[in-house]
Amino acid sequence: MTAPASTGQVASVNLWYGVGSRHEVPGRTGFAHLFEHLMFQGSGNVAKGEHFEEVERLGGDINASTSTDRTNYYETVPEHALDRVLWLEADRLETLRDGMTQEVLDNQRDVVKNERRQRYDNQPYGTALERILRLGYPEGHPYHHPTIGSMADLDDADLDYVKSFHKAHYGPDNCVLTVVSDLEPEDVLARVEKYFGHLPARDFVPEAPDASLPQPLGGPVRDAVTETVPAAGVFLGYRVAAYGEREFDVMHLASAVLGQGQGSRLYRSLVVDRPIAADDGGGAADILPFRYTDSLLLVNMLAREGVSGDVLEEAMREEIVKLAAGITEEELDRARAVLERDHLQSISSPSGLADSISSCTQLFGDPELAYTWPERWADITAEEVRAAAERLLVDDNLLVVRFDPDTAGADAAPAS
């Protein structure tokens, strides 16, 4: 997909590969994310780290990310460097396995393990999402584990399996390539054809994992953690419709009414009026979008000093239940405005627009959705939001992860 835009003579290149943590099998978690790192560690024609270094020498930005449903690589460079970036991307798609060594694997495995320690294991509340996923999706389900994977699985990674993972999931037939620039689309397409046109499709396409779920959840399902955290933390989750379905859009609006912005119900009630929750700027609720299974509406808040987790949890759940009694047109209009603002901001830069086009193409086969997505919220009614909340935001569909401070450990006197 090429998208003309006023870009200030830069070109944004964005590749979405249809492989994420949902494609991993039990005992082999973390491999999709591991490849986010390995893809920068050299190929048959490019030395280790040279891809990053070359883009940065050109004055460009470069990065990557991994989710449950895709792995994304992206660069924004001056237009004159577009050919070089396209060559670099095509080369590592074609010859990455030629440059992969045991030394590279060992090095990047240690990098990822250290990332897990910093972002999950040694971070206050860092395992909250991992715990929510375990509660919400049964053992063996493709959405049961986080993209970072487990330490044990990363330790067990071997070079042959890593190469086979790349061969199974990395091919031009599993990639959406988007370029946003001021160049003519025909010009860009000719360049893409030059570098990617000769690459063969994968000779084997692995079957997508079964992401079906038993219903209902049978909640509340709980996980309680007592550790050294600065305050009690309450993390609630509700399974809702898959990303792309109308009910997902309905619940996205519900999340904005509940906990997006300082005009949201949770912020006004629990941060301003009572107040028992810490002020995080108004971002207490959102939806984790899963394309191929139930998504998660997440609500999380931290307690103010002197407030227990029990008090905060009870207040949050009371406020969430009230949504089933109805919302006002004013609240609905505000929720639409919040979501539309966020969407327009996300596509306001060349890199953001390229990412949105890749996303809509990879997940829905419709690049135009990048421009028209806000229309999906336009005809959703307050009654739809109320009815969905009444059906979904209930104890039977509730996941709870609680973090409570380890006061005994904190108050223990040092041994004399």
Foldseek 3Di string as FASTA:
>chain_A
DEAEDPAVQKKKKKKKFFDALLQDWPLQAQLQVLVQQLLQQDFLPAHGNRLVVVLVVQVKDWGWDGFLGITMTMMMGGNVCVLVNLQSVLRSLATSLVPDDPVSLVVSLVVLVVVCCVQAVVDVCSCVVLVLLCLQADPGASSNGGNSDDNSSSVPDDSVVSVVVSLQGRFPVRMDMYMYYNDDPVVVVVSNCVNRVVTDGRPDHDDRDDNEDDPDSQFPDEDEAAEADPFKKKKKKFWWAAPPDLRVLLVQLVQLQDFAACNHPCNCPAVPVPDWWDCPGGHFWGWAHHHNYTIMIMGMTTTDPPHHPVVVVVVSLVSLLCLLVWDDPVSSVVSLVRVVVVLCVQCVHSNSLRVQLRVCCNRPVDSCCSVVVSVSSVPDDRNSSNVSSNVISDRRRMYIYMYHYPVCVVPDDDDD
